[in-house]
Amino acid sequence: MGLTNKKEEQLKKMPRIESRIFLSKNGKYIVQRTTFSSIKPVEYYKKVIENGEIDPKITLEDFDDSGFFQQDGAQLAES
């Protein structure tokens, strides 16, 4: 049973997800690297930029991502 045309179009619009698992160079750790790739036409981003309202009061310095990232794998392995 094949996919419908509508489902195929939905899948084409989704980002491509690639996952690689490999040993670290010293062989002590397993590394999992996940890459999300999405492709959009340049015209799409031009329209987003042209129509977007940017709040000049918000800067990257205001963005707090300190709780977002996990610990380094080496630190986890030691504890």
C-alpha atoms as a PDB file:
ATOM      1  CA  MET A   1       0.000   0.000   0.000  1.00  0.00           C
ATOM      2  CA  GLY A   2       1.580   3.287  -1.107  1.00  0.00           C
ATOM      3  CA  LEU A   3       1.387   6.791   0.278  1.00  0.00           C
ATOM      4  CA  THR A   4      -1.172   9.266  -0.964  1.00  0.00           C
ATOM      5  CA  ASN A   5      -0.007  12.335  -2.868  1.00  0.00           C
ATOM      6  CA  LYS A   6      -1.073  14.532   0.062  1.00  0.00           C
ATOM      7  CA  LYS A   7       1.008  12.494   2.527  1.00  0.00           C
ATOM      8  CA  GLU A   8       4.025  12.571   0.201  1.00  0.00           C
ATOM      9  CA  GLU A   9       3.801  16.384   0.027  1.00  0.00           C
ATOM     10  CA  GLN A  10       3.572  16.596   3.834  1.00  0.00           C
ATOM     11  CA  LEU A  11       6.659  14.428   4.223  1.00  0.00           C
ATOM     12  CA  LYS A  12       8.622  16.504   1.690  1.00  0.00           C
ATOM     13  CA  LYS A  13       7.964  19.648   3.752  1.00  0.00           C
ATOM     14  CA  MET A  14       9.294  18.114   6.967  1.00  0.00           C
ATOM     15  CA  PRO A  15      12.923  18.647   7.995  1.00  0.00           C
ATOM     16  CA  ARG A  16      15.360  15.845   7.284  1.00  0.00           C
ATOM     17  CA  ILE A  17      16.687  14.248  10.468  1.00  0.00           C
ATOM     18  CA  GLU A  18      19.987  12.389  10.400  1.00  0.00           C
ATOM     19  CA  SER A  19      21.437  10.627  13.423  1.00  0.00           C
ATOM     20  CA  ARG A  20      24.950   9.201  13.716  1.00  0.00           C
ATOM     21  CA  ILE A  21      26.302   7.165  16.597  1.00  0.00           C
ATOM     22  CA  PHE A  22      30.029   6.540  16.890  1.00  0.00           C
ATOM     23  CA  LEU A  23      32.849   6.016  19.392  1.00  0.00           C
ATOM     24  CA  SER A  24      34.965   8.938  20.475  1.00  0.00           C
ATOM     25  CA  LYS A  25      38.589   8.951  19.274  1.00  0.00           C
ATOM     26  CA  ASN A  26      39.868   7.651  22.608  1.00  0.00           C
ATOM     27  CA  GLY A  27      37.140   4.963  22.688  1.00  0.00           C
ATOM     28  CA  LYS A  28      35.800   6.032  26.093  1.00  0.00           C
ATOM     29  CA  TYR A  29      32.501   7.546  24.956  1.00  0.00           C
ATOM     30  CA  ILE A  30      29.661   6.920  22.568  1.00  0.00           C
ATOM     31  CA  VAL A  31      28.743  10.074  20.665  1.00  0.00           C
ATOM     32  CA  GLN A  32      25.291  10.598  19.194  1.00  0.00           C
ATOM     33  CA  ARG A  33      25.115  13.443  16.689  1.00  0.00           C
ATOM     34  CA  THR A  34      21.714  14.500  15.332  1.00  0.00           C
ATOM     35  CA  THR A  35      21.376  16.948  12.440  1.00  0.00           C
ATOM     36  CA  PHE A  36      18.131  18.631  11.424  1.00  0.00           C
ATOM     37  CA  SER A  37      18.136  20.002   7.874  1.00  0.00           C
ATOM     38  CA  SER A  38      15.343  21.966   6.268  1.00  0.00           C
ATOM     39  CA  ILE A  39      15.334  23.589   2.848  1.00  0.00           C
ATOM     40  CA  LYS A  40      13.362  26.728   2.098  1.00  0.00           C
ATOM     41  CA  PRO A  41      13.509  29.006  -0.946  1.00  0.00           C
ATOM     42  CA  VAL A  42      15.356  32.302  -0.540  1.00  0.00           C
ATOM     43  CA  GLU A  43      12.138  34.127  -1.429  1.00  0.00           C
ATOM     44  CA  TYR A  44      10.489  32.633   1.660  1.00  0.00           C
ATOM     45  CA  TYR A  45      13.062  34.216   3.981  1.00  0.00           C
ATOM     46  CA  LYS A  46      12.972  37.521   2.094  1.00  0.00           C
ATOM     47  CA  LYS A  47       9.222  37.743   2.735  1.00  0.00           C
ATOM     48  CA  VAL A  48       9.664  36.795   6.383  1.00  0.00           C
ATOM     49  CA  ILE A  49      12.252  39.547   6.834  1.00  0.00           C
ATOM     50  CA  GLU A  50      10.233  42.142   4.918  1.00  0.00           C
ATOM     51  CA  ASN A  51       7.018  41.440   6.834  1.00  0.00           C
ATOM     52  CA  GLY A  52       8.554  40.831  10.235  1.00  0.00           C
ATOM     53  CA  GLU A  53       8.503  43.442  12.937  1.00  0.00           C
ATOM     54  CA  ILE A  54      11.666  43.495  14.987  1.00  0.00           C
ATOM     55  CA  ASP A  55      11.492  44.801  18.541  1.00  0.00           C
ATOM     56  CA  PRO A  56      14.658  46.926  18.929  1.00  0.00           C
ATOM     57  CA  LYS A  57      14.503  46.474  22.715  1.00  0.00           C
ATOM     58  CA  ILE A  58      15.173  42.719  22.459  1.00  0.00           C
ATOM     59  CA  THR A  59      18.778  41.665  21.886  1.00  0.00           C
ATOM     60  CA  LEU A  60      20.697  38.400  22.048  1.00  0.00           C
ATOM     61  CA  GLU A  61      22.048  39.462  25.423  1.00  0.00           C
ATOM     62  CA  ASP A  62      18.472  39.248  26.754  1.00  0.00           C
ATOM     63  CA  PHE A  63      18.188  35.591  25.731  1.00  0.00           C
ATOM     64  CA  ASP A  64      18.985  33.228  28.620  1.00  0.00           C
ATOM     65  CA  ASP A  65      19.666  29.669  27.496  1.00  0.00           C
ATOM     66  CA  SER A  66      21.718  28.654  30.539  1.00  0.00           C
ATOM     67  CA  GLY A  67      19.203  26.003  31.596  1.00  0.00           C
ATOM     68  CA  PHE A  68      18.795  24.623  28.085  1.00  0.00           C
ATOM     69  CA  PHE A  69      22.059  22.779  27.510  1.00  0.00           C
ATOM     70  CA  GLN A  70      22.906  19.498  29.154  1.00  0.00           C
ATOM     71  CA  GLN A  71      26.144  18.696  30.905  1.00  0.00           C
ATOM     72  CA  ASP A  72      29.167  17.685  28.898  1.00  0.00           C
ATOM     73  CA  GLY A  73      29.368  13.893  28.431  1.00  0.00           C
ATOM     74  CA  ALA A  74      32.750  13.694  30.155  1.00  0.00           C
ATOM     75  CA  GLN A  75      31.307  15.374  33.245  1.00  0.00           C
ATOM     76  CA  LEU A  76      28.393  12.921  33.314  1.00  0.00           C
ATOM     77  CA  ALA A  77      30.697   9.921  32.974  1.00  0.00           C
ATOM     78  CA  GLU A  78      32.795  11.049  35.937  1.00  0.00           C
ATOM     79  CA  SER A  79      29.836  11.440  38.284  1.00  0.00           C
END
